[in-house]
Amino acid sequence: MSPLSSISAYSSALLPQIDRLPAKTEVAVPTTLPAAAPAEGTAFSSLLGKMVSEVDAQQQASSQSVNALQSGANVPLHQAVISMEEANVSFQLMVEVRNRLLESYQEIMRMQI
């Protein structure tokens, strides 16, 4: 028996099972695409500026918690360490974003027109 001859027997056994499956509901496909984002959205430069200011705020908060810990204020050690690590991770993320942007800019500048 060849593999091709067993296909018809296999498919005839599956057809009654396929008929018992629930019918799919049809979804209306829109005929037009939605409009592009309005021009009043935030600019990329303001987004980057916001990111830098947030990282700076985390660095300052971390510095304040460490200074309070060193001066003997009632600041738990684990809170100071957590704030330092959060500031460190956010700074590393900002540096990586900057590196990727710089690499992208350099790649665009290498493109031939």
N, C-alpha and C. Protein backbone atom coordinates (compact mmCIF):
# COMPACT_ATOMS: atom_id res chain seq x y z
N MET A 1 0.86 -1.17 0.00
CA MET A 1 0.00 0.00 0.00
C MET A 1 0.90 1.23 0.00
N SER A 2 0.68 2.12 -0.95
CA SER A 2 1.52 3.31 -1.04
C SER A 2 1.01 4.39 -0.09
N PRO A 3 1.88 5.30 0.32
CA PRO A 3 1.45 6.38 1.23
C PRO A 3 0.38 7.26 0.61
N LEU A 4 0.40 7.42 -0.71
CA LEU A 4 -0.59 8.29 -1.35
C LEU A 4 -1.98 7.67 -1.34
N SER A 5 -2.08 6.36 -1.41
CA SER A 5 -3.39 5.72 -1.40
C SER A 5 -4.03 5.79 -0.02
N SER A 6 -3.24 5.90 1.02
CA SER A 6 -3.81 5.98 2.37
C SER A 6 -4.36 7.36 2.69
N ILE A 7 -4.01 8.34 1.88
CA ILE A 7 -4.49 9.70 2.13
C ILE A 7 -6.00 9.77 1.94
N SER A 8 -6.51 9.15 0.90
CA SER A 8 -7.96 9.22 0.65
C SER A 8 -8.73 8.53 1.77
N ALA A 9 -8.23 7.41 2.27
CA ALA A 9 -8.91 6.72 3.36
C ALA A 9 -8.87 7.58 4.64
N TYR A 10 -7.76 8.22 4.85
CA TYR A 10 -7.60 9.06 6.05
C TYR A 10 -8.50 10.28 5.95
N SER A 11 -8.56 10.92 4.79
CA SER A 11 -9.37 12.12 4.64
C SER A 11 -10.86 11.79 4.72
N SER A 12 -11.29 10.62 4.21
CA SER A 12 -12.71 10.27 4.30
C SER A 12 -13.11 10.00 5.74
N ALA A 13 -12.18 9.57 6.57
CA ALA A 13 -12.50 9.35 7.98
C ALA A 13 -12.57 10.68 8.74
N LEU A 14 -11.86 11.70 8.28
CA LEU A 14 -11.85 12.98 8.97
C LEU A 14 -13.01 13.89 8.59
N LEU A 15 -13.56 13.73 7.40
CA LEU A 15 -14.61 14.64 6.95
C LEU A 15 -15.82 14.67 7.88
N PRO A 16 -16.34 13.55 8.40
CA PRO A 16 -17.47 13.64 9.34
C PRO A 16 -17.09 14.38 10.61
N GLN A 17 -15.85 14.26 11.06
CA GLN A 17 -15.43 14.97 12.26
C GLN A 17 -15.32 16.46 12.01
N ILE A 18 -14.89 16.84 10.84
CA ILE A 18 -14.77 18.26 10.51
C ILE A 18 -16.15 18.90 10.44
N ASP A 19 -17.13 18.17 9.94
CA ASP A 19 -18.49 18.71 9.84
C ASP A 19 -19.09 18.98 11.21
N ARG A 20 -18.64 18.25 12.24
CA ARG A 20 -19.18 18.45 13.58
C ARG A 20 -18.56 19.63 14.32
N LEU A 21 -17.50 20.21 13.77
CA LEU A 21 -16.87 21.37 14.41
C LEU A 21 -17.81 22.56 14.37
N PRO A 22 -17.77 23.41 15.41
CA PRO A 22 -18.65 24.58 15.39
C PRO A 22 -18.26 25.53 14.27
N ALA A 23 -19.27 26.17 13.72
CA ALA A 23 -19.02 27.10 12.62
C ALA A 23 -18.32 28.35 13.15
N LYS A 24 -17.41 28.85 12.37
CA LYS A 24 -16.70 30.07 12.76
C LYS A 24 -17.58 31.27 12.42
N THR A 25 -17.52 32.24 13.29
CA THR A 25 -18.25 33.47 12.99
C THR A 25 -17.36 34.35 12.12
N GLU A 26 -17.98 35.01 11.21
CA GLU A 26 -17.22 35.86 10.30
C GLU A 26 -16.98 37.21 10.95
N VAL A 27 -15.80 37.73 10.74
CA VAL A 27 -15.43 39.02 11.28
C VAL A 27 -15.40 40.01 10.14
N ALA A 28 -16.01 41.15 10.34
CA ALA A 28 -16.02 42.17 9.29
C ALA A 28 -14.63 42.80 9.20
N VAL A 29 -14.11 42.84 8.00
CA VAL A 29 -12.80 43.44 7.76
C VAL A 29 -13.01 44.89 7.36
N PRO A 30 -12.35 45.83 8.04
CA PRO A 30 -12.55 47.23 7.67
C PRO A 30 -12.01 47.49 6.27
N THR A 31 -12.73 48.34 5.55
CA THR A 31 -12.31 48.64 4.18
C THR A 31 -11.31 49.78 4.11
N THR A 32 -11.23 50.57 5.17
CA THR A 32 -10.27 51.66 5.19
C THR A 32 -9.37 51.50 6.41
N LEU A 33 -8.17 52.00 6.30
CA LEU A 33 -7.24 51.96 7.41
C LEU A 33 -7.52 53.12 8.34
N PRO A 34 -7.24 52.96 9.63
CA PRO A 34 -7.43 54.09 10.54
C PRO A 34 -6.45 55.20 10.21
N ALA A 35 -6.83 56.39 10.57
CA ALA A 35 -5.99 57.55 10.28
C ALA A 35 -4.69 57.47 11.07
N ALA A 36 -3.66 58.10 10.54
CA ALA A 36 -2.37 58.13 11.22
C ALA A 36 -2.49 58.92 12.51
N ALA A 37 -1.52 58.73 13.38
CA ALA A 37 -1.52 59.44 14.66
C ALA A 37 -1.48 60.94 14.41
N PRO A 38 -2.19 61.70 15.19
CA PRO A 38 -2.19 63.14 14.98
C PRO A 38 -0.81 63.74 15.24
N ALA A 39 -0.57 64.88 14.61
CA ALA A 39 0.73 65.53 14.72
C ALA A 39 0.95 66.14 16.10
N GLU A 40 -0.09 66.21 16.92
CA GLU A 40 0.05 66.82 18.23
C GLU A 40 0.66 65.88 19.26
N GLY A 41 1.08 64.68 18.87
CA GLY A 41 1.72 63.73 19.77
C GLY A 41 3.06 64.25 20.25
N THR A 42 3.61 63.58 21.23
CA THR A 42 4.87 64.03 21.78
C THR A 42 6.01 63.76 20.80
N ALA A 43 6.92 64.68 20.74
CA ALA A 43 8.07 64.54 19.86
C ALA A 43 9.07 63.57 20.47
N PHE A 44 9.88 62.97 19.62
CA PHE A 44 10.86 62.00 20.08
C PHE A 44 11.88 62.65 21.01
N SER A 45 12.27 63.87 20.70
CA SER A 45 13.25 64.57 21.56
C SER A 45 12.68 64.84 22.94
N SER A 46 11.38 65.17 23.01
CA SER A 46 10.79 65.41 24.34
C SER A 46 10.67 64.11 25.11
N LEU A 47 10.44 63.01 24.40
CA LEU A 47 10.39 61.70 25.04
C LEU A 47 11.75 61.34 25.65
N LEU A 48 12.81 61.59 24.89
CA LEU A 48 14.15 61.33 25.42
C LEU A 48 14.49 62.26 26.58
N GLY A 49 14.10 63.52 26.46
CA GLY A 49 14.33 64.45 27.56
C GLY A 49 13.61 64.04 28.83
N LYS A 50 12.40 63.53 28.66
CA LYS A 50 11.63 63.05 29.82
C LYS A 50 12.33 61.86 30.45
N MET A 51 12.85 60.96 29.62
CA MET A 51 13.55 59.78 30.14
C MET A 51 14.79 60.20 30.93
N VAL A 52 15.54 61.16 30.41
CA VAL A 52 16.75 61.62 31.10
C VAL A 52 16.38 62.29 32.42
N SER A 53 15.31 63.07 32.44
CA SER A 53 14.92 63.73 33.69
C SER A 53 14.44 62.71 34.73
N GLU A 54 13.76 61.65 34.28
CA GLU A 54 13.33 60.60 35.22
C GLU A 54 14.52 59.85 35.79
N VAL A 55 15.52 59.58 34.96
CA VAL A 55 16.73 58.91 35.46
C VAL A 55 17.45 59.82 36.45
N ASP A 56 17.49 61.11 36.15
CA ASP A 56 18.13 62.06 37.06
C ASP A 56 17.38 62.12 38.40
N ALA A 57 16.06 62.09 38.34
CA ALA A 57 15.27 62.10 39.57
C ALA A 57 15.53 60.85 40.40
N GLN A 58 15.67 59.69 39.74
CA GLN A 58 15.98 58.46 40.48
C GLN A 58 17.37 58.54 41.09
N GLN A 59 18.33 59.11 40.37
CA GLN A 59 19.68 59.25 40.91
C GLN A 59 19.67 60.16 42.13
N GLN A 60 18.92 61.26 42.07
CA GLN A 60 18.85 62.17 43.21
C GLN A 60 18.16 61.53 44.41
N ALA A 61 17.08 60.79 44.16
CA ALA A 61 16.39 60.11 45.26
C ALA A 61 17.29 59.07 45.90
N SER A 62 18.06 58.37 45.09
CA SER A 62 19.00 57.39 45.61
C SER A 62 20.07 58.07 46.47
N SER A 63 20.57 59.17 45.96
CA SER A 63 21.59 59.91 46.71
C SER A 63 21.04 60.41 48.04
N GLN A 64 19.82 60.89 48.04
CA GLN A 64 19.21 61.38 49.28
C GLN A 64 19.02 60.26 50.29
N SER A 65 18.59 59.08 49.82
CA SER A 65 18.39 57.97 50.76
C SER A 65 19.72 57.48 51.32
N VAL A 66 20.78 57.49 50.51
CA VAL A 66 22.09 57.08 51.01
C VAL A 66 22.62 58.11 52.00
N ASN A 67 22.45 59.40 51.68
CA ASN A 67 22.89 60.45 52.61
C ASN A 67 22.13 60.37 53.93
N ALA A 68 20.83 60.09 53.86
CA ALA A 68 20.04 59.97 55.08
C ALA A 68 20.50 58.75 55.89
N LEU A 69 20.85 57.67 55.22
CA LEU A 69 21.34 56.48 55.90
C LEU A 69 22.67 56.77 56.58
N GLN A 70 23.55 57.50 55.90
CA GLN A 70 24.86 57.82 56.46
C GLN A 70 24.77 58.80 57.63
N SER A 71 23.76 59.67 57.59
CA SER A 71 23.63 60.64 58.68
C SER A 71 22.92 60.07 59.89
N GLY A 72 22.47 58.83 59.80
CA GLY A 72 21.86 58.18 60.96
C GLY A 72 20.36 58.33 61.02
N ALA A 73 19.73 58.79 59.95
CA ALA A 73 18.28 58.92 59.93
C ALA A 73 17.65 57.52 59.94
N ASN A 74 16.36 57.49 60.19
CA ASN A 74 15.65 56.23 60.27
C ASN A 74 15.30 55.74 58.86
N VAL A 75 16.32 55.34 58.10
CA VAL A 75 16.13 54.80 56.76
C VAL A 75 16.63 53.36 56.77
N PRO A 76 15.77 52.42 56.41
CA PRO A 76 16.23 51.02 56.37
C PRO A 76 17.32 50.83 55.33
N LEU A 77 18.27 49.98 55.65
CA LEU A 77 19.39 49.72 54.76
C LEU A 77 18.91 49.14 53.43
N HIS A 78 17.96 48.22 53.50
CA HIS A 78 17.51 47.59 52.26
C HIS A 78 16.82 48.59 51.33
N GLN A 79 16.14 49.60 51.88
CA GLN A 79 15.52 50.62 51.03
C GLN A 79 16.57 51.45 50.31
N ALA A 80 17.66 51.77 50.99
CA ALA A 80 18.73 52.54 50.36
C ALA A 80 19.39 51.73 49.26
N VAL A 81 19.63 50.45 49.51
CA VAL A 81 20.26 49.60 48.50
C VAL A 81 19.34 49.40 47.31
N ILE A 82 18.05 49.22 47.56
CA ILE A 82 17.09 49.06 46.47
C ILE A 82 17.03 50.32 45.61
N SER A 83 17.00 51.48 46.24
CA SER A 83 16.95 52.72 45.46
C SER A 83 18.23 52.92 44.66
N MET A 84 19.39 52.51 45.22
CA MET A 84 20.64 52.60 44.46
C MET A 84 20.61 51.68 43.25
N GLU A 85 20.11 50.47 43.42
CA GLU A 85 20.06 49.53 42.30
C GLU A 85 19.06 49.98 41.24
N GLU A 86 17.91 50.52 41.66
CA GLU A 86 16.95 51.03 40.68
C GLU A 86 17.56 52.16 39.86
N ALA A 87 18.28 53.05 40.53
CA ALA A 87 18.92 54.15 39.82
C ALA A 87 20.00 53.63 38.89
N ASN A 88 20.73 52.62 39.32
CA ASN A 88 21.78 52.04 38.49
C ASN A 88 21.20 51.37 37.25
N VAL A 89 20.14 50.60 37.42
CA VAL A 89 19.52 49.91 36.28
C VAL A 89 18.92 50.91 35.31
N SER A 90 18.26 51.95 35.81
CA SER A 90 17.68 52.94 34.91
C SER A 90 18.77 53.71 34.17
N PHE A 91 19.90 53.97 34.82
CA PHE A 91 21.00 54.64 34.15
C PHE A 91 21.60 53.74 33.06
N GLN A 92 21.77 52.46 33.36
CA GLN A 92 22.29 51.54 32.36
C GLN A 92 21.35 51.43 31.15
N LEU A 93 20.04 51.42 31.41
CA LEU A 93 19.08 51.40 30.32
C LEU A 93 19.19 52.65 29.47
N MET A 94 19.33 53.80 30.10
CA MET A 94 19.46 55.04 29.36
C MET A 94 20.73 55.03 28.50
N VAL A 95 21.82 54.52 29.04
CA VAL A 95 23.07 54.44 28.27
C VAL A 95 22.92 53.50 27.09
N GLU A 96 22.24 52.37 27.27
CA GLU A 96 22.04 51.44 26.17
C GLU A 96 21.15 52.03 25.09
N VAL A 97 20.12 52.77 25.48
CA VAL A 97 19.26 53.44 24.50
C VAL A 97 20.08 54.45 23.72
N ARG A 98 20.92 55.19 24.41
CA ARG A 98 21.79 56.16 23.73
C ARG A 98 22.72 55.46 22.76
N ASN A 99 23.31 54.34 23.18
CA ASN A 99 24.22 53.60 22.31
C ASN A 99 23.49 53.09 21.06
N ARG A 100 22.30 52.57 21.23
CA ARG A 100 21.54 52.08 20.07
C ARG A 100 21.17 53.21 19.13
N LEU A 101 20.79 54.35 19.69
CA LEU A 101 20.47 55.49 18.84
C LEU A 101 21.69 55.97 18.08
N LEU A 102 22.82 56.00 18.74
CA LEU A 102 24.06 56.41 18.09
C LEU A 102 24.45 55.44 16.99
N GLU A 103 24.31 54.15 17.24
CA GLU A 103 24.60 53.14 16.22
C GLU A 103 23.66 53.29 15.03
N SER A 104 22.39 53.57 15.30
CA SER A 104 21.42 53.75 14.22
C SER A 104 21.77 54.97 13.38
N TYR A 105 22.13 56.05 14.05
CA TYR A 105 22.52 57.27 13.34
C TYR A 105 23.75 57.01 12.47
N GLN A 106 24.74 56.32 13.01
CA GLN A 106 25.94 56.02 12.24
C GLN A 106 25.63 55.12 11.06
N GLU A 107 24.72 54.18 11.24
CA GLU A 107 24.33 53.30 10.12
C GLU A 107 23.63 54.09 9.02
N ILE A 108 22.78 55.02 9.42
CA ILE A 108 22.10 55.85 8.42
C ILE A 108 23.12 56.73 7.68
N MET A 109 24.08 57.24 8.39
CA MET A 109 25.08 58.09 7.74
C MET A 109 25.97 57.29 6.78
N ARG A 110 26.12 56.00 7.00
CA ARG A 110 26.92 55.17 6.11
C ARG A 110 26.18 54.75 4.85
N MET A 111 24.86 54.93 4.85
CA MET A 111 24.07 54.53 3.68
C MET A 111 24.41 55.40 2.48
N GLN A 112 24.47 54.75 1.34
CA GLN A 112 24.73 55.49 0.11
C GLN A 112 23.40 55.90 -0.52
N ILE A 113 23.40 57.06 -1.07
CA ILE A 113 22.16 57.58 -1.70
C ILE A 113 22.16 57.26 -3.16
